[in-house]
N, C-alpha and C. Protein backbone atom coordinates (compact mmCIF):
# COMPACT_ATOMS: atom_id res chain seq x y z
N MET A 1 26.20 164.26 109.85
CA MET A 1 26.40 164.96 108.59
C MET A 1 25.14 165.71 108.12
N PRO A 2 23.94 165.11 108.15
CA PRO A 2 22.76 165.86 107.69
C PRO A 2 22.54 167.17 108.43
N ALA A 3 22.82 167.21 109.74
CA ALA A 3 22.65 168.46 110.48
C ALA A 3 23.60 169.53 109.96
N ASP A 4 24.82 169.13 109.61
CA ASP A 4 25.80 170.07 109.05
C ASP A 4 25.33 170.59 107.70
N ILE A 5 24.79 169.72 106.88
CA ILE A 5 24.29 170.13 105.56
C ILE A 5 23.09 171.06 105.73
N ARG A 6 22.19 170.75 106.66
CA ARG A 6 21.04 171.63 106.91
C ARG A 6 21.50 173.00 107.39
N ASP A 7 22.52 173.02 108.23
CA ASP A 7 23.07 174.28 108.72
C ASP A 7 23.64 175.11 107.57
N ARG A 8 24.41 174.48 106.71
CA ARG A 8 24.98 175.19 105.56
C ARG A 8 23.90 175.64 104.58
N ALA A 9 22.89 174.79 104.36
CA ALA A 9 21.79 175.16 103.46
C ALA A 9 21.03 176.37 104.02
N ALA A 10 20.80 176.38 105.33
CA ALA A 10 20.12 177.51 105.96
C ALA A 10 20.95 178.78 105.82
N ASP A 11 22.26 178.67 106.03
CA ASP A 11 23.14 179.83 105.88
C ASP A 11 23.10 180.36 104.45
N THR A 12 23.14 179.47 103.48
CA THR A 12 23.12 179.88 102.08
C THR A 12 21.80 180.56 101.72
N LEU A 13 20.69 179.99 102.17
CA LEU A 13 19.39 180.61 101.89
C LEU A 13 19.30 182.00 102.53
N LEU A 14 19.78 182.13 103.75
CA LEU A 14 19.77 183.43 104.40
C LEU A 14 20.66 184.44 103.67
N ALA A 15 21.77 183.98 103.12
CA ALA A 15 22.67 184.87 102.38
C ALA A 15 22.03 185.33 101.07
N LEU A 16 21.11 184.53 100.53
CA LEU A 16 20.44 184.91 99.28
C LEU A 16 19.46 186.07 99.47
N ILE A 17 18.90 186.19 100.65
CA ILE A 17 17.85 187.20 100.88
C ILE A 17 18.33 188.61 100.56
N PRO A 18 19.45 189.08 101.14
CA PRO A 18 19.86 190.45 100.79
C PRO A 18 20.26 190.60 99.33
N LEU A 19 20.85 189.56 98.74
CA LEU A 19 21.21 189.63 97.32
C LEU A 19 19.96 189.73 96.45
N TYR A 20 18.98 188.91 96.76
CA TYR A 20 17.73 188.93 96.00
C TYR A 20 17.04 190.29 96.16
N HIS A 21 17.01 190.78 97.38
CA HIS A 21 16.37 192.07 97.62
C HIS A 21 17.08 193.18 96.86
N LYS A 22 18.40 193.20 96.92
CA LYS A 22 19.17 194.25 96.27
C LYS A 22 19.07 194.18 94.75
N ASN A 23 19.13 192.98 94.19
CA ASN A 23 19.22 192.83 92.75
C ASN A 23 17.90 192.56 92.03
N VAL A 24 16.89 192.13 92.77
CA VAL A 24 15.62 191.81 92.12
C VAL A 24 14.49 192.67 92.67
N ILE A 25 14.28 192.60 93.96
CA ILE A 25 13.15 193.31 94.57
C ILE A 25 13.34 194.81 94.51
N ARG A 26 14.51 195.30 94.81
CA ARG A 26 14.73 196.73 94.95
C ARG A 26 15.06 197.41 93.62
N THR A 27 14.58 196.87 92.54
CA THR A 27 14.72 197.60 91.29
C THR A 27 13.75 198.77 91.36
N ARG A 28 13.67 199.51 90.32
CA ARG A 28 12.87 200.73 90.35
C ARG A 28 11.37 200.43 90.24
N HIS A 29 10.85 199.60 91.18
CA HIS A 29 9.44 199.26 91.15
C HIS A 29 8.54 200.44 91.48
N THR A 30 9.10 201.49 92.02
CA THR A 30 8.28 202.64 92.39
C THR A 30 7.81 203.44 91.18
N PHE A 31 8.27 203.10 89.97
CA PHE A 31 7.81 203.85 88.80
C PHE A 31 6.32 203.62 88.55
N THR A 32 5.71 202.65 89.21
CA THR A 32 4.28 202.43 89.04
C THR A 32 3.48 203.06 90.17
N GLY A 33 4.15 203.66 91.14
CA GLY A 33 3.47 204.39 92.19
C GLY A 33 3.10 203.61 93.43
N LEU A 34 3.39 202.33 93.49
CA LEU A 34 3.05 201.55 94.66
C LEU A 34 4.30 201.03 95.36
N GLN A 35 4.15 200.75 96.64
CA GLN A 35 5.24 200.16 97.41
C GLN A 35 5.19 198.63 97.24
N PHE A 36 6.31 197.99 97.57
CA PHE A 36 6.38 196.54 97.42
C PHE A 36 5.30 195.83 98.24
N ALA A 37 5.05 196.26 99.47
CA ALA A 37 4.04 195.62 100.31
C ALA A 37 2.65 195.73 99.68
N GLN A 38 2.39 196.83 99.00
CA GLN A 38 1.10 196.99 98.33
C GLN A 38 0.97 195.99 97.17
N TYR A 39 2.05 195.81 96.41
CA TYR A 39 2.04 194.81 95.34
C TYR A 39 1.84 193.41 95.91
N HIS A 40 2.52 193.16 97.00
CA HIS A 40 2.42 191.84 97.61
C HIS A 40 0.97 191.57 98.03
N MET A 41 0.33 192.56 98.60
CA MET A 41 -1.06 192.42 99.01
C MET A 41 -1.97 192.18 97.80
N LEU A 42 -1.78 192.96 96.74
CA LEU A 42 -2.57 192.75 95.52
C LEU A 42 -2.34 191.35 94.95
N GLY A 43 -1.09 190.90 94.99
CA GLY A 43 -0.78 189.56 94.49
C GLY A 43 -1.47 188.46 95.27
N VAL A 44 -1.51 188.60 96.59
CA VAL A 44 -2.20 187.62 97.43
C VAL A 44 -3.69 187.60 97.09
N LEU A 45 -4.28 188.77 96.92
CA LEU A 45 -5.70 188.85 96.58
C LEU A 45 -5.98 188.31 95.19
N MET A 46 -5.07 188.55 94.26
CA MET A 46 -5.24 188.04 92.90
C MET A 46 -5.21 186.51 92.92
N LYS A 47 -4.32 185.95 93.71
CA LYS A 47 -4.15 184.50 93.75
C LYS A 47 -5.26 183.80 94.54
N HIS A 48 -5.65 184.39 95.68
CA HIS A 48 -6.55 183.70 96.60
C HIS A 48 -7.97 184.26 96.63
N GLY A 49 -8.20 185.38 95.96
CA GLY A 49 -9.53 185.97 95.98
C GLY A 49 -9.76 186.78 97.25
N THR A 50 -11.01 187.04 97.54
CA THR A 50 -11.40 187.83 98.71
C THR A 50 -10.94 187.13 99.99
N LEU A 51 -10.30 187.90 100.86
CA LEU A 51 -9.81 187.37 102.13
C LEU A 51 -10.08 188.36 103.25
N PRO A 52 -10.24 187.84 104.49
CA PRO A 52 -10.32 188.75 105.62
C PRO A 52 -9.00 189.50 105.79
N MET A 53 -9.09 190.74 106.21
CA MET A 53 -7.90 191.56 106.35
C MET A 53 -6.90 190.90 107.30
N SER A 54 -7.38 190.26 108.36
CA SER A 54 -6.48 189.61 109.32
C SER A 54 -5.71 188.46 108.66
N GLU A 55 -6.34 187.73 107.77
CA GLU A 55 -5.65 186.62 107.09
C GLU A 55 -4.59 187.14 106.13
N ILE A 56 -4.88 188.22 105.43
CA ILE A 56 -3.87 188.82 104.54
C ILE A 56 -2.66 189.24 105.37
N GLY A 57 -2.92 189.88 106.50
CA GLY A 57 -1.84 190.30 107.39
C GLY A 57 -0.99 189.13 107.85
N GLN A 58 -1.63 188.01 108.18
CA GLN A 58 -0.89 186.82 108.60
C GLN A 58 -0.05 186.26 107.45
N ARG A 59 -0.62 186.21 106.27
CA ARG A 59 0.11 185.68 105.10
C ARG A 59 1.32 186.54 104.75
N LEU A 60 1.21 187.85 104.97
CA LEU A 60 2.28 188.77 104.61
C LEU A 60 3.17 189.14 105.80
N TYR A 61 2.84 188.60 106.98
CA TYR A 61 3.59 188.92 108.19
C TYR A 61 3.58 190.43 108.45
N ILE A 62 2.38 191.00 108.36
CA ILE A 62 2.20 192.44 108.53
C ILE A 62 1.35 192.66 109.78
N SER A 63 1.73 193.63 110.59
CA SER A 63 0.97 193.95 111.79
C SER A 63 -0.41 194.50 111.43
N ARG A 64 -1.34 194.39 112.37
CA ARG A 64 -2.70 194.88 112.14
C ARG A 64 -2.73 196.37 111.78
N PRO A 65 -2.00 197.23 112.51
CA PRO A 65 -2.04 198.66 112.15
C PRO A 65 -1.50 198.93 110.73
N TYR A 66 -0.39 198.25 110.36
CA TYR A 66 0.16 198.47 109.03
C TYR A 66 -0.76 197.88 107.96
N MET A 67 -1.41 196.77 108.28
CA MET A 67 -2.35 196.16 107.35
C MET A 67 -3.49 197.14 107.06
N THR A 68 -3.96 197.81 108.08
CA THR A 68 -5.02 198.81 107.90
C THR A 68 -4.54 199.95 107.01
N THR A 69 -3.31 200.39 107.23
CA THR A 69 -2.74 201.46 106.41
C THR A 69 -2.65 201.03 104.95
N LEU A 70 -2.17 199.80 104.71
CA LEU A 70 -2.07 199.30 103.34
C LEU A 70 -3.44 199.21 102.68
N ALA A 71 -4.39 198.63 103.37
CA ALA A 71 -5.74 198.49 102.81
C ALA A 71 -6.34 199.85 102.51
N ASP A 72 -6.16 200.80 103.43
CA ASP A 72 -6.70 202.15 103.21
C ASP A 72 -6.07 202.81 101.99
N SER A 73 -4.75 202.67 101.85
CA SER A 73 -4.08 203.32 100.71
C SER A 73 -4.51 202.70 99.39
N LEU A 74 -4.68 201.39 99.36
CA LEU A 74 -5.11 200.72 98.12
C LEU A 74 -6.59 201.01 97.83
N ALA A 75 -7.39 201.11 98.86
CA ALA A 75 -8.81 201.45 98.67
C ALA A 75 -8.95 202.88 98.15
N ALA A 76 -8.10 203.78 98.62
CA ALA A 76 -8.15 205.17 98.16
C ALA A 76 -7.85 205.28 96.67
N GLU A 77 -7.06 204.34 96.16
CA GLU A 77 -6.73 204.31 94.72
C GLU A 77 -7.71 203.45 93.93
N ASP A 78 -8.74 202.91 94.60
CA ASP A 78 -9.74 202.03 94.00
C ASP A 78 -9.11 200.74 93.46
N LEU A 79 -8.05 200.27 94.12
CA LEU A 79 -7.40 199.03 93.72
C LEU A 79 -7.93 197.84 94.51
N VAL A 80 -8.49 198.11 95.68
CA VAL A 80 -9.17 197.09 96.49
C VAL A 80 -10.45 197.69 97.06
N GLU A 81 -11.33 196.80 97.50
CA GLU A 81 -12.54 197.22 98.19
C GLU A 81 -12.57 196.56 99.57
N ARG A 82 -13.01 197.31 100.56
CA ARG A 82 -13.24 196.78 101.90
C ARG A 82 -14.70 196.34 101.94
N ARG A 83 -14.93 195.14 102.41
CA ARG A 83 -16.30 194.62 102.50
C ARG A 83 -16.55 194.06 103.90
N PRO A 84 -17.28 194.81 104.72
CA PRO A 84 -17.59 194.29 106.06
C PRO A 84 -18.44 193.02 105.95
N VAL A 85 -18.23 192.11 106.88
CA VAL A 85 -19.01 190.87 106.93
C VAL A 85 -20.25 191.15 107.78
N PRO A 86 -21.45 191.05 107.19
CA PRO A 86 -22.67 191.42 107.93
C PRO A 86 -22.89 190.62 109.22
N THR A 87 -22.45 189.38 109.23
CA THR A 87 -22.68 188.52 110.40
C THR A 87 -21.65 188.72 111.50
N ASP A 88 -20.54 189.41 111.19
CA ASP A 88 -19.50 189.67 112.19
C ASP A 88 -18.84 191.00 111.87
N ARG A 89 -19.27 192.05 112.54
CA ARG A 89 -18.80 193.39 112.23
C ARG A 89 -17.30 193.57 112.48
N ARG A 90 -16.67 192.64 113.20
CA ARG A 90 -15.23 192.74 113.47
C ARG A 90 -14.40 192.34 112.25
N VAL A 91 -15.00 191.60 111.33
CA VAL A 91 -14.27 191.07 110.16
C VAL A 91 -14.49 191.97 108.96
N ILE A 92 -13.38 192.33 108.32
CA ILE A 92 -13.43 193.11 107.08
C ILE A 92 -12.76 192.28 106.00
N ASN A 93 -13.52 191.97 104.96
CA ASN A 93 -12.93 191.28 103.81
C ASN A 93 -12.36 192.30 102.84
N ILE A 94 -11.29 191.91 102.18
CA ILE A 94 -10.66 192.76 101.16
C ILE A 94 -10.74 192.03 99.83
N THR A 95 -11.16 192.76 98.81
CA THR A 95 -11.29 192.21 97.46
C THR A 95 -10.53 193.10 96.50
N ILE A 96 -9.79 192.49 95.59
CA ILE A 96 -9.11 193.27 94.56
C ILE A 96 -10.14 193.68 93.51
N THR A 97 -10.07 194.92 93.07
CA THR A 97 -11.00 195.43 92.05
C THR A 97 -10.45 195.11 90.66
N ASP A 98 -11.28 195.33 89.65
CA ASP A 98 -10.81 195.16 88.27
C ASP A 98 -9.65 196.11 87.99
N LYS A 99 -9.76 197.33 88.51
CA LYS A 99 -8.67 198.29 88.34
C LYS A 99 -7.40 197.78 89.01
N GLY A 100 -7.53 197.17 90.18
CA GLY A 100 -6.38 196.60 90.88
C GLY A 100 -5.75 195.47 90.10
N LYS A 101 -6.57 194.61 89.51
CA LYS A 101 -6.06 193.50 88.70
C LYS A 101 -5.29 194.03 87.48
N LYS A 102 -5.89 195.02 86.83
CA LYS A 102 -5.25 195.61 85.65
C LYS A 102 -3.92 196.26 86.03
N HIS A 103 -3.93 197.01 87.14
CA HIS A 103 -2.71 197.68 87.60
C HIS A 103 -1.62 196.66 87.93
N LEU A 104 -2.01 195.58 88.60
CA LEU A 104 -1.04 194.56 88.98
C LEU A 104 -0.45 193.89 87.73
N ARG A 105 -1.29 193.53 86.78
CA ARG A 105 -0.78 192.90 85.54
C ARG A 105 0.17 193.83 84.80
N HIS A 106 -0.19 195.10 84.70
CA HIS A 106 0.66 196.08 84.02
C HIS A 106 1.98 196.25 84.77
N SER A 107 1.91 196.33 86.08
CA SER A 107 3.12 196.50 86.89
C SER A 107 4.04 195.30 86.77
N VAL A 108 3.47 194.11 86.76
CA VAL A 108 4.29 192.90 86.61
C VAL A 108 5.00 192.92 85.26
N MET A 109 4.30 193.37 84.22
CA MET A 109 4.91 193.46 82.89
C MET A 109 6.09 194.45 82.91
N LEU A 110 5.89 195.61 83.54
CA LEU A 110 6.97 196.60 83.63
C LEU A 110 8.13 196.06 84.47
N TYR A 111 7.80 195.42 85.56
CA TYR A 111 8.80 194.87 86.46
C TYR A 111 9.61 193.78 85.76
N LYS A 112 8.92 192.93 85.00
CA LYS A 112 9.61 191.86 84.27
C LYS A 112 10.53 192.46 83.21
N ARG A 113 10.07 193.49 82.53
CA ARG A 113 10.90 194.15 81.52
C ARG A 113 12.18 194.70 82.16
N GLU A 114 12.02 195.35 83.32
CA GLU A 114 13.16 195.90 84.05
C GLU A 114 14.14 194.79 84.43
N LEU A 115 13.60 193.68 84.91
CA LEU A 115 14.45 192.57 85.32
C LEU A 115 15.18 191.96 84.12
N LYS A 116 14.49 191.83 83.00
CA LYS A 116 15.13 191.32 81.78
C LYS A 116 16.26 192.24 81.34
N ASP A 117 16.07 193.53 81.47
CA ASP A 117 17.13 194.48 81.13
C ASP A 117 18.35 194.27 82.03
N ARG A 118 18.10 194.03 83.30
CA ARG A 118 19.20 193.78 84.24
C ARG A 118 19.94 192.49 83.90
N LEU A 119 19.21 191.50 83.42
CA LEU A 119 19.82 190.21 83.07
C LEU A 119 20.62 190.28 81.77
N ALA A 120 20.48 191.34 81.02
CA ALA A 120 21.16 191.48 79.73
C ALA A 120 22.68 191.51 79.86
N VAL A 121 23.18 191.82 81.05
CA VAL A 121 24.64 191.86 81.24
C VAL A 121 25.24 190.47 81.37
N LEU A 122 24.40 189.45 81.52
CA LEU A 122 24.89 188.08 81.67
C LEU A 122 25.08 187.42 80.31
N ASP A 123 26.09 186.58 80.21
CA ASP A 123 26.27 185.82 78.97
C ASP A 123 25.34 184.60 78.98
N ASP A 124 25.28 183.89 77.87
CA ASP A 124 24.37 182.76 77.74
C ASP A 124 24.63 181.68 78.79
N HIS A 125 25.89 181.43 79.08
CA HIS A 125 26.25 180.41 80.07
C HIS A 125 25.69 180.78 81.45
N ASP A 126 25.88 182.04 81.86
CA ASP A 126 25.35 182.49 83.15
C ASP A 126 23.82 182.48 83.18
N LEU A 127 23.20 182.88 82.07
CA LEU A 127 21.73 182.86 82.00
C LEU A 127 21.20 181.44 82.13
N ASP A 128 21.83 180.49 81.43
CA ASP A 128 21.41 179.09 81.53
C ASP A 128 21.59 178.59 82.96
N ALA A 129 22.73 178.90 83.56
CA ALA A 129 22.99 178.45 84.93
C ALA A 129 21.99 179.06 85.90
N LEU A 130 21.68 180.34 85.74
CA LEU A 130 20.70 181.01 86.60
C LEU A 130 19.33 180.37 86.44
N TYR A 131 18.94 180.12 85.21
CA TYR A 131 17.64 179.51 84.94
C TYR A 131 17.54 178.12 85.59
N ILE A 132 18.52 177.30 85.38
CA ILE A 132 18.51 175.94 85.93
C ILE A 132 18.52 175.97 87.46
N ALA A 133 19.39 176.80 88.03
CA ALA A 133 19.47 176.89 89.49
C ALA A 133 18.16 177.43 90.08
N SER A 134 17.55 178.41 89.42
CA SER A 134 16.30 178.99 89.90
C SER A 134 15.17 177.96 89.87
N GLU A 135 15.09 177.21 88.79
CA GLU A 135 14.07 176.17 88.69
C GLU A 135 14.25 175.12 89.77
N GLU A 136 15.49 174.72 89.98
CA GLU A 136 15.78 173.70 90.99
C GLU A 136 15.49 174.24 92.39
N LEU A 137 15.86 175.47 92.67
CA LEU A 137 15.59 176.08 93.97
C LEU A 137 14.08 176.17 94.21
N GLN A 138 13.35 176.57 93.20
CA GLN A 138 11.90 176.66 93.31
C GLN A 138 11.29 175.29 93.60
N ARG A 139 11.76 174.28 92.92
CA ARG A 139 11.25 172.91 93.11
C ARG A 139 11.52 172.44 94.54
N ILE A 140 12.72 172.67 95.02
CA ILE A 140 13.09 172.20 96.35
C ILE A 140 12.36 172.99 97.43
N LEU A 141 12.30 174.30 97.29
CA LEU A 141 11.63 175.12 98.30
C LEU A 141 10.13 174.81 98.39
N ALA A 142 9.53 174.41 97.27
CA ALA A 142 8.11 174.04 97.28
C ALA A 142 7.87 172.84 98.21
N LYS A 143 8.86 172.02 98.43
CA LYS A 143 8.72 170.86 99.31
C LYS A 143 8.67 171.26 100.78
N ILE A 144 9.29 172.36 101.13
CA ILE A 144 9.36 172.72 102.55
C ILE A 144 8.40 173.84 102.94
N LEU A 145 7.77 174.45 102.00
CA LEU A 145 6.86 175.56 102.33
C LEU A 145 5.44 175.14 102.40
């Protein structure tokens, strides 16, 4: 029985991905001028501080060439800084700038406002159910990640 439940749980989680992407991630986040991967990179840097570019790529499951493109585009906007490691020229650390932090906070505020507007179509019962289910899902997923 547990294998059957794990199989169904895996199927349900996989089914949530396109729904989440369509209804949450793919809102009009481009009104701030950045792509989702760029926000994700800024978020990782905000949470973890300065990191080697290779580690950011691993955390985001991004290839080395695309990671370089992302870092270059964010550096061009002065949202991150590239910092070579003097003791190992192969390693490039990436640091979020104050401008990057400010941009990320502002974008999160706009994004949250957009999401709240989308949630306005739900009645109180659905909002309560969504809130409770989301909290429970977050709690459970934290155990396996």
